[in-house]
Structure formats: C-alpha cells, structure tokens
N, C-alpha and C. Protein backbone atom coordinates (compact mmCIF):
# COMPACT_ATOMS: atom_id res chain seq x y z
N MET A 1 -4.43 -5.38 8.20
CA MET A 1 -3.83 -4.58 7.45
C MET A 1 -2.61 -4.29 6.51
N ARG A 2 -1.88 -3.68 6.20
CA ARG A 2 -1.25 -2.78 4.90
C ARG A 2 -0.42 -2.50 5.43
N PHE A 3 0.95 -2.60 5.32
CA PHE A 3 1.82 -1.42 5.65
C PHE A 3 2.56 -1.01 4.78
N VAL A 4 3.19 -0.02 4.42
CA VAL A 4 3.82 1.13 3.38
C VAL A 4 4.95 1.23 4.33
N CYS A 5 6.20 0.67 3.96
CA CYS A 5 7.74 1.06 4.90
C CYS A 5 8.29 1.89 3.88
N GLU A 6 9.79 2.75 4.81
CA GLU A 6 10.63 2.99 4.21
C GLU A 6 11.38 2.00 3.56
N ASN A 7 12.81 2.71 3.36
CA ASN A 7 13.79 1.04 2.71
C ASN A 7 14.22 0.37 3.80
N LYS A 8 14.42 1.26 4.88
CA LYS A 8 14.65 0.41 6.15
C LYS A 8 14.14 -0.79 6.76
N GLY A 9 12.53 -0.77 6.45
CA GLY A 9 11.21 -1.39 7.07
C GLY A 9 10.80 -0.52 7.93
N ILE A 10 11.29 0.71 8.33
CA ILE A 10 10.18 1.48 9.27
C ILE A 10 8.98 1.73 8.30
N PRO A 11 8.13 1.14 9.55
CA PRO A 11 6.25 2.02 8.92
C PRO A 11 6.34 3.29 8.66
N ILE A 12 5.46 3.26 7.98
CA ILE A 12 5.19 4.78 7.23
C ILE A 12 3.74 5.25 7.14
N SER A 13 2.79 4.33 7.07
CA SER A 13 1.62 4.07 6.60
C SER A 13 1.04 3.35 6.76
N CYS A 14 -0.04 2.80 7.09
CA CYS A 14 -1.03 1.72 7.22
C CYS A 14 -2.31 1.80 6.77
N SER A 15 -3.13 0.67 6.60
CA SER A 15 -4.65 0.66 6.27
C SER A 15 -5.51 0.52 7.47
N ARG A 16 -6.44 0.13 7.90
CA ARG A 16 -7.79 0.01 8.58
C ARG A 16 -7.50 -1.74 8.39
N PRO A 17 -7.47 -2.12 9.21
CA PRO A 17 -7.63 -3.46 9.22
C PRO A 17 -8.72 -4.54 8.62
N ILE A 18 -7.84 -5.63 8.30
CA ILE A 18 -8.75 -6.38 6.87
C ILE A 18 -9.15 -7.66 7.51
N THR A 19 -10.61 -8.59 8.03
CA THR A 19 -10.19 -9.62 8.16
C THR A 19 -9.64 -10.15 7.41
N GLY A 20 -9.32 -11.33 8.16
CA GLY A 20 -8.26 -12.73 7.45
C GLY A 20 -8.80 -13.46 6.81
N ILE A 21 -10.52 -13.41 6.62
CA ILE A 21 -11.26 -14.33 5.34
C ILE A 21 -10.91 -13.92 3.39
N HIS A 22 -10.28 -12.87 3.61
CA HIS A 22 -10.65 -12.33 2.45
C HIS A 22 -8.63 -12.51 1.66
N HIS A 23 -8.70 -12.52 0.55
CA HIS A 23 -7.24 -12.72 -0.15
C HIS A 23 -7.18 -11.45 0.08
N ASP A 24 -5.30 -11.55 -0.47
CA ASP A 24 -4.65 -10.53 -0.01
C ASP A 24 -4.65 -9.23 -1.11
N ASN A 25 -4.89 -9.54 -2.09
CA ASN A 25 -5.72 -8.17 -2.94
C ASN A 25 -7.17 -7.66 -3.00
N PHE A 26 -7.82 -7.93 -1.97
CA PHE A 26 -9.48 -7.27 -1.37
C PHE A 26 -9.19 -6.48 -1.03
N ALA A 27 -9.95 -5.61 -1.81
CA ALA A 27 -10.06 -3.67 -1.94
C ALA A 27 -8.61 -3.28 -2.00
N LEU A 28 -7.92 -3.27 -2.71
CA LEU A 28 -6.05 -3.53 -2.84
C LEU A 28 -5.96 -1.74 -3.09
N GLU A 29 -6.74 -1.62 -3.94
CA GLU A 29 -6.61 0.02 -4.53
C GLU A 29 -7.29 0.48 -3.44
N GLN A 30 -8.07 0.31 -3.04
CA GLN A 30 -8.71 1.19 -1.88
C GLN A 30 -8.04 1.89 -0.66
N SER A 31 -7.50 0.41 -0.54
CA SER A 31 -6.10 0.36 0.81
C SER A 31 -5.07 1.26 0.43
N MET A 32 -4.68 1.25 -0.44
CA MET A 32 -3.70 2.05 -1.26
C MET A 32 -4.09 3.60 -1.17
N ARG A 33 -4.92 3.78 -1.47
CA ARG A 33 -5.55 5.36 -1.47
C ARG A 33 -5.64 6.00 -0.29
N GLU A 34 -6.10 5.12 0.32
CA GLU A 34 -6.02 5.39 2.15
C GLU A 34 -4.28 6.15 2.17
N ILE A 35 -3.55 4.87 2.38
CA ILE A 35 -2.58 5.14 2.69
C ILE A 35 -1.90 6.32 2.00
N LEU A 36 -1.37 5.92 1.06
CA LEU A 36 -1.29 7.44 0.21
C LEU A 36 -1.33 8.69 0.31
N LYS A 37 -2.65 8.67 0.92
CA LYS A 37 -3.02 10.28 1.39
C LYS A 37 -2.94 10.31 2.50
N GLU A 38 -2.57 9.33 3.70
CA GLU A 38 -1.85 9.46 4.68
C GLU A 38 -0.49 9.70 4.49
N ILE A 39 -0.19 8.83 3.71
CA ILE A 39 1.29 9.45 3.57
C ILE A 39 1.60 11.14 2.97
N LYS A 40 1.17 11.36 1.88
CA LYS A 40 0.82 12.91 1.51
C LYS A 40 0.17 13.96 2.81
N ASN A 41 -0.33 13.73 3.46
CA ASN A 41 -1.24 14.87 4.79
C ASN A 41 -0.26 14.72 6.00
N SER A 42 0.72 13.66 5.59
CA SER A 42 2.14 14.05 6.91
C SER A 42 3.22 14.74 6.07
N ASN A 43 3.07 14.55 4.83
CA ASN A 43 4.32 15.70 4.11
C ASN A 43 5.16 15.11 4.41
N ILE A 44 5.36 13.07 4.08
CA ILE A 44 6.40 12.66 3.89
C ILE A 44 7.14 12.39 2.52
N ARG A 45 7.85 12.54 1.79
CA ARG A 45 8.00 12.90 1.19
C ARG A 45 8.38 11.59 0.37
N THR A 46 7.83 10.85 -1.20
CA THR A 46 8.26 10.18 -1.89
C THR A 46 8.48 10.24 -2.68
N ASP A 47 9.75 10.56 -2.97
CA ASP A 47 10.68 11.00 -4.57
C ASP A 47 11.31 9.55 -4.50
N GLY A 48 11.43 8.73 -5.44
CA GLY A 48 11.81 7.84 -6.23
C GLY A 48 11.67 6.76 -4.88
N LEU A 49 9.79 6.32 -4.27
CA LEU A 49 9.00 5.63 -4.08
C LEU A 49 8.92 4.29 -4.88
N PHE A 50 9.15 2.84 -4.76
CA PHE A 50 8.75 1.88 -5.36
C PHE A 50 8.09 0.73 -4.46
N LEU A 51 7.30 0.10 -4.90
CA LEU A 51 6.53 -0.69 -5.03
C LEU A 51 7.72 -2.25 -4.96
N ASN A 52 7.47 -2.76 -3.34
CA ASN A 52 8.34 -4.44 -3.41
C ASN A 52 7.16 -5.48 -2.58
N ALA A 53 6.01 -5.92 -3.18
CA ALA A 53 5.33 -6.46 -2.60
C ALA A 53 5.16 -8.06 -3.19
N ASP A 54 4.44 -8.73 -2.24
CA ASP A 54 4.42 -9.94 -1.96
C ASP A 54 3.40 -10.74 -3.36
N ALA A 55 3.39 -11.45 -3.89
CA ALA A 55 2.83 -11.95 -5.11
C ALA A 55 1.13 -11.92 -5.08
N GLY A 56 1.14 -11.94 -3.90
CA GLY A 56 -0.40 -12.13 -3.52
C GLY A 56 -1.24 -10.87 -3.93
N PHE A 57 -0.33 -9.82 -4.23
CA PHE A 57 -1.28 -8.29 -4.29
C PHE A 57 -0.56 -8.03 -5.84
N ASP A 58 0.12 -8.77 -6.87
CA ASP A 58 0.42 -8.89 -8.32
C ASP A 58 -1.26 -9.39 -8.68
N THR A 59 -1.67 -8.46 -9.53
CA THR A 59 -3.09 -8.70 -9.99
C THR A 59 -2.94 -7.24 -11.40
N ASN A 60 -3.21 -7.34 -12.34
CA ASN A 60 -2.93 -6.71 -13.15
C ASN A 60 -3.81 -5.10 -13.03
N LYS A 61 -4.93 -5.21 -12.28
CA LYS A 61 -5.48 -3.92 -12.19
C LYS A 61 -4.91 -3.65 -10.76
N PHE A 62 -4.09 -4.20 -9.84
CA PHE A 62 -3.01 -3.49 -9.13
C PHE A 62 -2.47 -2.61 -9.94
N ARG A 63 -1.53 -3.50 -10.72
CA ARG A 63 -0.44 -2.91 -11.66
C ARG A 63 -0.57 -1.59 -12.35
N ASP A 64 -2.31 -1.57 -13.13
CA ASP A 64 -2.57 -0.20 -13.66
C ASP A 64 -3.03 0.88 -12.65
N TYR A 65 -3.19 0.15 -11.42
CA TYR A 65 -3.37 1.22 -10.50
C TYR A 65 -2.04 2.26 -10.57
N CYS A 66 -1.13 1.71 -10.42
CA CYS A 66 0.52 2.05 -9.71
C CYS A 66 1.27 2.44 -11.03
N LEU A 67 0.50 2.73 -11.91
CA LEU A 67 0.95 3.24 -13.13
C LEU A 67 0.90 4.70 -13.34
C-alpha cells in the first residue's frame, strides 16, 4: 500500500494493496490518481501540499506526473 500523510504523519489516504514482488514505482501514477481522487472526494484541503517520497519513487515519469 502507498500512503499519503499530513505534515504530522497522520495518514489521510492510501492506495489498494500492491504485492511485494513489484518495484516501488510499479503503477505509481495509477495509485496516485486513486489516492488524490479519495482526498478530493473527502473534501480534504490540499493547499500547499507537497510530496516527500522515498528514492524508489523518483522517476522522470512520476516527476512529470506531479507537475
């Protein structure tokens, strides 16, 4: 699972479970679409939101997605 937490570490949304046989960046954009949709549907404010992620998520494709 992938989690998005607020600045104090409290989870505000998560992805569906992902098997451990995949690299961290497997289906990353799809997971983030689902997570962000859940956050939006929950009326959670995202003003000033930033992403602080592990190096396993640092790909050019994901950087482009986040822009």
